[in-house]
Amino acid sequence: MTPEIQHRASRVRLLLMDVDGVLTDGLIYNVPGPDGKMVETKGFNSQDGISLQWLCWHGIQTGVVSGRVSPATEERARQVGMTYIYQGHIEKLPILEDIIARSGVATDEMAYMGDDLTDVPVMRSVGLALATANARPEVKRAAHYVTTAPGGAGAVREVAELLLQAHGHWADILKKYGVE
């Protein structure tokens, strides 16, 4: 981690992220429900999930801003203790403004993680802009940090560890699980 990324990460109090391509691999599954109607579902990474809980334990709030509406996203956000859940919003800057008003967190104390063009305006507005390894090239250019892992395969975990390290909590996590 570079000193600049360390500094930016140490200030983060709120991690926001896109869903498809960040919390998931971007694949959307339509399967028949009990009534025969199609139901959309997604796959989430368990290691990403536990790391989001660790962030919550250490006072770093989390949230999602997604262009799609999905009950699977709603449930996942609840499972991992997210504070902010916004779905059905392709234009994300107005959502960021609402989150600023609700949270009282300054933009330079926020991180945003994205993978596609709709994420860039928010990435340019926050203190730490993050892109997944599978992000579009334009998104990677807008990021302060690009993960080595792709979305849905540990990218969120990588960012959570980076934030926990920058805040001095990673050693506590390791100690909690006897991995010193």
C-alpha atoms as a PDB file:
ATOM      1  CA  MET A   1       0.000   0.000   0.000  1.00  0.00           C
ATOM      2  CA  THR A   2       1.441   3.358  -1.000  1.00  0.00           C
ATOM      3  CA  PRO A   3       1.607   6.163   1.562  1.00  0.00           C
ATOM      4  CA  GLU A   4      -1.092   8.052  -0.380  1.00  0.00           C
ATOM      5  CA  ILE A   5      -3.477   5.078  -0.330  1.00  0.00           C
ATOM      6  CA  GLN A   6      -2.662   4.479   3.357  1.00  0.00           C
ATOM      7  CA  HIS A   7      -3.563   8.103   4.148  1.00  0.00           C
ATOM      8  CA  ARG A   8      -6.772   8.049   2.110  1.00  0.00           C
ATOM      9  CA  ALA A   9      -7.826   4.682   3.568  1.00  0.00           C
ATOM     10  CA  SER A  10      -7.114   5.783   7.152  1.00  0.00           C
ATOM     11  CA  ARG A  11      -9.713   8.548   6.776  1.00  0.00           C
ATOM     12  CA  VAL A  12     -12.530   6.318   5.458  1.00  0.00           C
ATOM     13  CA  ARG A  13     -15.604   6.066   7.687  1.00  0.00           C
ATOM     14  CA  LEU A  14     -18.000   4.824   5.009  1.00  0.00           C
ATOM     15  CA  LEU A  15     -17.441   2.341   2.169  1.00  0.00           C
ATOM     16  CA  LEU A  16     -20.027   2.483  -0.606  1.00  0.00           C
ATOM     17  CA  MET A  17     -20.034   0.130  -3.563  1.00  0.00           C
ATOM     18  CA  ASP A  18     -21.832  -0.955  -6.668  1.00  0.00           C
ATOM     19  CA  VAL A  19     -23.284  -4.468  -6.634  1.00  0.00           C
ATOM     20  CA  ASP A  20     -23.046  -6.190 -10.024  1.00  0.00           C
ATOM     21  CA  GLY A  21     -19.369  -6.605 -10.896  1.00  0.00           C
ATOM     22  CA  VAL A  22     -18.219  -5.569  -7.393  1.00  0.00           C
ATOM     23  CA  LEU A  23     -20.076  -7.647  -4.788  1.00  0.00           C
ATOM     24  CA  THR A  24     -20.856 -10.174  -7.531  1.00  0.00           C
ATOM     25  CA  ASP A  25     -19.080 -11.385 -10.638  1.00  0.00           C
ATOM     26  CA  GLY A  26     -21.639  -9.445 -12.664  1.00  0.00           C
ATOM     27  CA  LEU A  27     -23.642 -12.482 -13.734  1.00  0.00           C
ATOM     28  CA  ILE A  28     -27.387 -12.306 -13.161  1.00  0.00           C
ATOM     29  CA  TYR A  29     -29.323 -15.554 -12.934  1.00  0.00           C
ATOM     30  CA  ASN A  30     -33.000 -15.756 -13.866  1.00  0.00           C
ATOM     31  CA  VAL A  31     -34.537 -18.916 -12.447  1.00  0.00           C
ATOM     32  CA  PRO A  32     -38.161 -20.034 -12.228  1.00  0.00           C
ATOM     33  CA  GLY A  33     -39.806 -19.412  -8.883  1.00  0.00           C
ATOM     34  CA  PRO A  34     -42.459 -21.676  -7.307  1.00  0.00           C
ATOM     35  CA  ASP A  35     -45.177 -19.907  -9.304  1.00  0.00           C
ATOM     36  CA  GLY A  36     -43.310 -20.353 -12.604  1.00  0.00           C
ATOM     37  CA  LYS A  37     -42.405 -16.677 -12.896  1.00  0.00           C
ATOM     38  CA  MET A  38     -38.757 -15.826 -13.368  1.00  0.00           C
ATOM     39  CA  VAL A  39     -36.835 -14.702 -10.276  1.00  0.00           C
ATOM     40  CA  GLU A  40     -33.503 -12.907 -10.448  1.00  0.00           C
ATOM     41  CA  THR A  41     -30.712 -14.025  -8.180  1.00  0.00           C
ATOM     42  CA  LYS A  42     -26.980 -13.443  -7.764  1.00  0.00           C
ATOM     43  CA  GLY A  43     -24.016 -15.100  -6.109  1.00  0.00           C
ATOM     44  CA  PHE A  44     -22.092 -13.380  -3.320  1.00  0.00           C
ATOM     45  CA  ASN A  45     -18.633 -14.219  -2.003  1.00  0.00           C
ATOM     46  CA  SER A  46     -18.594 -15.426   1.625  1.00  0.00           C
ATOM     47  CA  GLN A  47     -15.146 -13.932   2.324  1.00  0.00           C
ATOM     48  CA  ASP A  48     -16.358 -10.549   1.089  1.00  0.00           C
ATOM     49  CA  GLY A  49     -19.320 -10.924   3.444  1.00  0.00           C
ATOM     50  CA  ILE A  50     -17.396 -11.598   6.626  1.00  0.00           C
ATOM     51  CA  SER A  51     -15.017  -8.742   5.885  1.00  0.00           C
ATOM     52  CA  LEU A  52     -17.972  -6.345   5.569  1.00  0.00           C
ATOM     53  CA  GLN A  53     -19.072  -7.483   9.024  1.00  0.00           C
ATOM     54  CA  TRP A  54     -15.569  -6.776  10.352  1.00  0.00           C
ATOM     55  CA  LEU A  55     -15.748  -3.248   8.968  1.00  0.00           C
ATOM     56  CA  CYS A  56     -19.052  -2.770  10.767  1.00  0.00           C
ATOM     57  CA  TRP A  57     -17.558  -4.056  14.034  1.00  0.00           C
ATOM     58  CA  HIS A  58     -14.821  -1.453  13.749  1.00  0.00           C
ATOM     59  CA  GLY A  59     -17.090   1.505  13.035  1.00  0.00           C
ATOM     60  CA  ILE A  60     -16.744   1.688   9.263  1.00  0.00           C
ATOM     61  CA  GLN A  61     -20.201   1.835   7.737  1.00  0.00           C
ATOM     62  CA  THR A  62     -20.997   0.190   4.419  1.00  0.00           C
ATOM     63  CA  GLY A  63     -23.613   0.507   1.722  1.00  0.00           C
ATOM     64  CA  VAL A  64     -24.581  -0.224  -1.851  1.00  0.00           C
ATOM     65  CA  VAL A  65     -25.766   1.934  -4.719  1.00  0.00           C
ATOM     66  CA  SER A  66     -27.008  -0.215  -7.585  1.00  0.00           C
ATOM     67  CA  GLY A  67     -28.723   0.428 -10.864  1.00  0.00           C
ATOM     68  CA  ARG A  68     -30.686  -2.811 -10.542  1.00  0.00           C
ATOM     69  CA  VAL A  69     -33.346  -3.778  -8.019  1.00  0.00           C
ATOM     70  CA  SER A  70     -32.887  -7.240  -6.556  1.00  0.00           C
ATOM     71  CA  PRO A  71     -34.266  -8.949  -3.452  1.00  0.00           C
ATOM     72  CA  ALA A  72     -30.981 -10.899  -3.326  1.00  0.00           C
ATOM     73  CA  THR A  73     -29.077  -7.630  -2.907  1.00  0.00           C
ATOM     74  CA  GLU A  74     -31.456  -6.474  -0.175  1.00  0.00           C
ATOM     75  CA  GLU A  75     -30.979  -9.724   1.738  1.00  0.00           C
ATOM     76  CA  ARG A  76     -27.191  -9.734   1.330  1.00  0.00           C
ATOM     77  CA  ALA A  77     -26.963  -6.158   2.555  1.00  0.00           C
ATOM     78  CA  ARG A  78     -29.006  -7.088   5.624  1.00  0.00           C
ATOM     79  CA  GLN A  79     -26.865 -10.180   6.293  1.00  0.00           C
ATOM     80  CA  VAL A  80     -23.606  -8.214   6.346  1.00  0.00           C
ATOM     81  CA  GLY A  81     -24.909  -5.220   8.309  1.00  0.00           C
ATOM     82  CA  MET A  82     -24.939  -2.536   5.630  1.00  0.00           C
ATOM     83  CA  THR A  83     -26.258   0.857   6.654  1.00  0.00           C
ATOM     84  CA  TYR A  84     -27.204   2.194   3.209  1.00  0.00           C
ATOM     85  CA  ILE A  85     -29.078   0.238   0.539  1.00  0.00           C
ATOM     86  CA  TYR A  86     -30.065   2.081  -2.630  1.00  0.00           C
ATOM     87  CA  GLN A  87     -31.301   0.119  -5.629  1.00  0.00           C
ATOM     88  CA  GLY A  88     -32.688   1.143  -9.008  1.00  0.00           C
ATOM     89  CA  HIS A  89     -30.432   4.184  -9.385  1.00  0.00           C
ATOM     90  CA  ILE A  90     -28.268   4.394 -12.499  1.00  0.00           C
ATOM     91  CA  GLU A  91     -27.508   8.054 -11.757  1.00  0.00           C
ATOM     92  CA  LYS A  92     -25.609   7.730  -8.519  1.00  0.00           C
ATOM     93  CA  LEU A  93     -24.495  11.275  -7.631  1.00  0.00           C
ATOM     94  CA  PRO A  94     -27.923  12.271  -6.252  1.00  0.00           C
ATOM     95  CA  ILE A  95     -27.779   9.161  -4.067  1.00  0.00           C
ATOM     96  CA  LEU A  96     -24.330  10.160  -2.811  1.00  0.00           C
ATOM     97  CA  GLU A  97     -25.747  13.573  -1.856  1.00  0.00           C
ATOM     98  CA  ASP A  98     -28.582  11.885   0.050  1.00  0.00           C
ATOM     99  CA  ILE A  99     -26.117   9.624   1.871  1.00  0.00           C
ATOM    100  CA  ILE A 100     -23.959  12.634   2.786  1.00  0.00           C
ATOM    101  CA  ALA A 101     -27.019  14.369   4.247  1.00  0.00           C
ATOM    102  CA  ARG A 102     -28.164  11.267   6.144  1.00  0.00           C
ATOM    103  CA  SER A 103     -24.753  10.142   7.414  1.00  0.00           C
ATOM    104  CA  GLY A 104     -22.975  13.385   8.187  1.00  0.00           C
ATOM    105  CA  VAL A 105     -19.836  11.801   6.707  1.00  0.00           C
ATOM    106  CA  ALA A 106     -17.745  14.118   4.526  1.00  0.00           C
ATOM    107  CA  THR A 107     -16.927  12.940   1.014  1.00  0.00           C
ATOM    108  CA  ASP A 108     -13.201  12.839   1.794  1.00  0.00           C
ATOM    109  CA  GLU A 109     -14.067  10.269   4.493  1.00  0.00           C
ATOM    110  CA  MET A 110     -15.885   8.044   2.012  1.00  0.00           C
ATOM    111  CA  ALA A 111     -14.662   5.337  -0.311  1.00  0.00           C
ATOM    112  CA  TYR A 112     -16.540   4.098  -3.351  1.00  0.00           C
ATOM    113  CA  MET A 113     -15.892   0.878  -5.229  1.00  0.00           C
ATOM    114  CA  GLY A 114     -17.077   0.412  -8.773  1.00  0.00           C
ATOM    115  CA  ASP A 115     -16.530  -1.403 -12.035  1.00  0.00           C
ATOM    116  CA  ASP A 116     -18.502   0.418 -14.755  1.00  0.00           C
ATOM    117  CA  LEU A 117     -19.009   3.874 -16.232  1.00  0.00           C
ATOM    118  CA  THR A 118     -21.985   4.750 -14.010  1.00  0.00           C
ATOM    119  CA  ASP A 119     -19.651   4.546 -11.010  1.00  0.00           C
ATOM    120  CA  VAL A 120     -17.083   7.108 -12.176  1.00  0.00           C
ATOM    121  CA  PRO A 121     -18.951  10.302 -11.112  1.00  0.00           C
ATOM    122  CA  VAL A 122     -19.170   9.010  -7.527  1.00  0.00           C
ATOM    123  CA  MET A 123     -15.575   7.771  -7.596  1.00  0.00           C
ATOM    124  CA  ARG A 124     -14.440  11.285  -8.552  1.00  0.00           C
ATOM    125  CA  SER A 125     -16.353  12.737  -5.598  1.00  0.00           C
ATOM    126  CA  VAL A 126     -14.979  10.664  -2.708  1.00  0.00           C
ATOM    127  CA  GLY A 127     -11.712  10.481  -0.807  1.00  0.00           C
ATOM    128  CA  LEU A 128     -10.814   6.957  -1.904  1.00  0.00           C
ATOM    129  CA  ALA A 129     -11.900   5.690  -5.325  1.00  0.00           C
ATOM    130  CA  LEU A 130     -11.617   1.936  -5.817  1.00  0.00           C
ATOM    131  CA  ALA A 131     -11.990  -0.219  -8.920  1.00  0.00           C
ATOM    132  CA  THR A 132     -12.180  -3.973  -9.237  1.00  0.00           C
ATOM    133  CA  ALA A 133      -9.707  -5.932 -11.340  1.00  0.00           C
ATOM    134  CA  ASN A 134     -12.534  -6.621 -13.812  1.00  0.00           C
ATOM    135  CA  ALA A 135     -13.531  -2.954 -14.084  1.00  0.00           C
ATOM    136  CA  ARG A 136     -13.709  -1.136 -17.394  1.00  0.00           C
ATOM    137  CA  PRO A 137     -10.397   0.580 -18.304  1.00  0.00           C
ATOM    138  CA  GLU A 138     -12.008   4.019 -17.904  1.00  0.00           C
ATOM    139  CA  VAL A 139     -13.046   3.130 -14.367  1.00  0.00           C
ATOM    140  CA  LYS A 140      -9.583   1.909 -13.469  1.00  0.00           C
ATOM    141  CA  ARG A 141      -8.151   5.239 -14.632  1.00  0.00           C
ATOM    142  CA  ALA A 142     -10.518   7.065 -12.261  1.00  0.00           C
ATOM    143  CA  ALA A 143      -9.465   4.917  -9.282  1.00  0.00           C
ATOM    144  CA  HIS A 144      -6.852   5.602  -6.642  1.00  0.00           C
ATOM    145  CA  TYR A 145      -6.573   1.832  -6.120  1.00  0.00           C
ATOM    146  CA  VAL A 146      -7.397  -1.136  -8.345  1.00  0.00           C
ATOM    147  CA  THR A 147      -7.860  -4.502  -6.657  1.00  0.00           C
ATOM    148  CA  THR A 148      -5.991  -7.574  -7.798  1.00  0.00           C
ATOM    149  CA  ALA A 149      -9.155  -9.662  -7.310  1.00  0.00           C
ATOM    150  CA  PRO A 150     -12.180  -9.309  -9.565  1.00  0.00           C
ATOM    151  CA  GLY A 151     -15.655  -8.453  -8.325  1.00  0.00           C
ATOM    152  CA  GLY A 152     -17.441 -11.343  -6.672  1.00  0.00           C
ATOM    153  CA  ALA A 153     -14.138 -13.134  -6.102  1.00  0.00           C
ATOM    154  CA  GLY A 154     -12.524 -11.302  -3.205  1.00  0.00           C
ATOM    155  CA  ALA A 155     -12.260  -7.696  -4.396  1.00  0.00           C
ATOM    156  CA  VAL A 156     -14.390  -6.419  -1.509  1.00  0.00           C
ATOM    157  CA  ARG A 157     -12.389  -8.535   0.951  1.00  0.00           C
ATOM    158  CA  GLU A 158      -9.167  -7.004  -0.418  1.00  0.00           C
ATOM    159  CA  VAL A 159     -10.526  -3.496   0.129  1.00  0.00           C
ATOM    160  CA  ALA A 160     -11.873  -4.332   3.592  1.00  0.00           C
ATOM    161  CA  GLU A 161      -8.458  -5.638   4.644  1.00  0.00           C
ATOM    162  CA  LEU A 162      -6.821  -2.509   3.234  1.00  0.00           C
ATOM    163  CA  LEU A 163      -9.181  -0.316   5.276  1.00  0.00           C
ATOM    164  CA  LEU A 164      -8.772  -2.391   8.442  1.00  0.00           C
ATOM    165  CA  GLN A 165      -4.980  -2.232   8.077  1.00  0.00           C
ATOM    166  CA  ALA A 166      -5.060   1.530   7.517  1.00  0.00           C
ATOM    167  CA  HIS A 167      -7.198   1.972  10.638  1.00  0.00           C
ATOM    168  CA  GLY A 168      -4.929  -0.288  12.706  1.00  0.00           C
ATOM    169  CA  HIS A 169      -7.538  -3.040  13.211  1.00  0.00           C
ATOM    170  CA  TRP A 170      -6.169  -5.871  11.080  1.00  0.00           C
ATOM    171  CA  ALA A 171      -3.953  -7.213  13.876  1.00  0.00           C
ATOM    172  CA  ASP A 172      -7.059  -7.338  16.119  1.00  0.00           C
ATOM    173  CA  ILE A 173      -8.897  -9.444  13.541  1.00  0.00           C
ATOM    174  CA  LEU A 174      -5.971 -11.846  13.231  1.00  0.00           C
ATOM    175  CA  LYS A 175      -5.678 -12.102  17.009  1.00  0.00           C
ATOM    176  CA  LYS A 176      -9.403 -12.752  17.399  1.00  0.00           C
ATOM    177  CA  TYR A 177      -9.066 -15.848  15.210  1.00  0.00           C
ATOM    178  CA  GLY A 178      -5.698 -16.955  16.592  1.00  0.00           C
ATOM    179  CA  VAL A 179      -3.849 -16.171  13.369  1.00  0.00           C
ATOM    180  CA  GLU A 180      -1.027 -13.956  14.593  1.00  0.00           C
END
